[in-house]
Amino acid sequence: MELEIYTAFRKVGIEDAEARAVVESINKEIDRRYSLHAQQLATRGDVEAVRKDVGELRGEMKAEVAKAQAEIIKWCMGSIFAAVGLFVALSRFAN
């Protein structure tokens, strides 16, 4: 990129030293802006770390859902047996 900018400046008649200075200035500004944002950019390592964390959380959530499912089934079955027992007791009491 810098060679193209330098060449463009030279074609319009800008002196060699001035063209080089402008190209250097542009490069410094690009480097400065990159360094300002470099800490905010995610690298492949960052993405892989997040992917690993999400995978672990997903596994933990699956385990929690399985526990909750088992608990719900246990309480539903208990409620069903209690309701049937109550129905039997009430039907015998009524006779």
Protein backbone atom coordinates (compact mmCIF):
# COMPACT_ATOMS: atom_id res chain seq x y z
CA MET A 1 0.00 0.00 0.00
CA GLU A 2 2.72 2.45 0.90
CA LEU A 3 4.45 2.00 -2.46
CA GLU A 4 1.20 2.85 -4.27
CA ILE A 5 0.70 5.99 -2.18
CA TYR A 6 4.32 7.02 -2.69
CA THR A 7 4.01 6.42 -6.44
CA ALA A 8 0.78 8.43 -6.60
CA PHE A 9 2.41 11.36 -4.80
CA ARG A 10 5.43 11.25 -7.09
CA LYS A 11 3.17 11.22 -10.18
CA VAL A 12 1.45 14.45 -9.13
CA GLY A 13 4.79 16.14 -8.61
CA ILE A 14 5.40 15.94 -4.88
CA GLU A 15 9.09 15.83 -3.94
CA ASP A 16 10.63 12.51 -2.92
CA ALA A 17 11.31 13.51 0.70
CA GLU A 18 7.80 14.91 1.18
CA ALA A 19 6.19 11.81 -0.37
CA ARG A 20 8.21 9.54 1.93
CA ALA A 21 7.30 11.69 4.95
CA VAL A 22 3.59 11.50 4.15
CA VAL A 23 3.76 7.73 3.65
CA GLU A 24 5.60 7.36 6.97
CA SER A 25 3.00 9.55 8.66
CA ILE A 26 0.20 7.39 7.28
CA ASN A 27 1.96 4.23 8.47
CA LYS A 28 2.46 5.67 11.96
CA GLU A 29 -1.21 6.65 12.17
CA ILE A 30 -2.31 3.17 11.07
CA ASP A 31 -0.01 1.60 13.67
CA ARG A 32 -1.31 3.98 16.36
CA ARG A 33 -4.93 3.17 15.58
CA TYR A 34 -4.22 -0.54 15.46
CA SER A 35 -2.48 -0.44 18.83
CA LEU A 36 -5.47 1.42 20.32
CA HIS A 37 -7.87 -1.29 19.15
CA ALA A 38 -5.59 -4.32 19.40
CA GLN A 39 -6.67 -5.06 22.96
CA GLN A 40 -10.32 -5.10 21.89
CA LEU A 41 -9.81 -7.48 18.98
CA ALA A 42 -10.43 -11.16 19.57
CA THR A 43 -7.77 -13.62 18.49
CA ARG A 44 -8.37 -17.23 17.50
CA GLY A 45 -7.15 -18.20 20.94
CA ASP A 46 -9.73 -15.93 22.54
CA VAL A 47 -12.50 -17.41 20.42
CA GLU A 48 -11.39 -20.96 21.21
CA ALA A 49 -11.30 -20.18 24.94
CA VAL A 50 -14.84 -18.81 24.80
CA ARG A 51 -15.96 -21.81 22.74
CA LYS A 52 -14.47 -24.15 25.37
CA ASP A 53 -16.17 -22.24 28.20
CA VAL A 54 -19.51 -22.33 26.40
CA GLY A 55 -19.10 -26.06 25.81
CA GLU A 56 -18.44 -26.63 29.50
CA LEU A 57 -21.42 -24.50 30.47
CA ARG A 58 -23.57 -26.38 27.99
CA GLY A 59 -22.57 -29.68 29.59
CA GLU A 60 -23.32 -28.31 33.05
CA MET A 61 -26.72 -27.04 31.88
CA LYS A 62 -27.57 -30.42 30.37
CA ALA A 63 -26.76 -32.06 33.71
CA GLU A 64 -28.92 -29.53 35.57
CA VAL A 65 -31.83 -30.09 33.17
CA ALA A 66 -31.52 -33.86 33.62
CA LYS A 67 -31.59 -33.42 37.41
CA ALA A 68 -34.64 -31.16 37.18
CA GLN A 69 -36.37 -33.66 34.90
CA ALA A 70 -35.74 -36.50 37.36
CA GLU A 71 -37.02 -34.35 40.23
CA ILE A 72 -40.19 -33.43 38.30
CA ILE A 73 -40.85 -37.08 37.39
CA LYS A 74 -40.32 -38.11 41.02
CA TRP A 75 -42.80 -35.52 42.31
CA CYS A 76 -45.35 -36.27 39.58
CA MET A 77 -45.26 -39.99 40.30
CA GLY A 78 -45.53 -39.33 44.04
CA SER A 79 -48.49 -37.02 43.47
CA ILE A 80 -50.20 -39.60 41.25
CA PHE A 81 -49.79 -42.36 43.86
CA ALA A 82 -50.97 -40.01 46.62
CA ALA A 83 -54.03 -39.02 44.58
CA VAL A 84 -54.88 -42.67 43.85
CA GLY A 85 -54.42 -43.55 47.52
CA LEU A 86 -56.62 -40.65 48.57
CA PHE A 87 -59.25 -41.69 46.02
CA VAL A 88 -59.21 -45.29 47.32
CA ALA A 89 -59.47 -44.11 50.93
CA LEU A 90 -62.33 -41.77 50.15
CA SER A 91 -64.19 -44.39 48.11
CA ARG A 92 -63.93 -46.92 51.00
CA PHE A 93 -64.97 -44.32 53.53
CA ALA A 94 -68.03 -43.41 51.45
CA ASN A 95 -69.29 -47.02 51.41
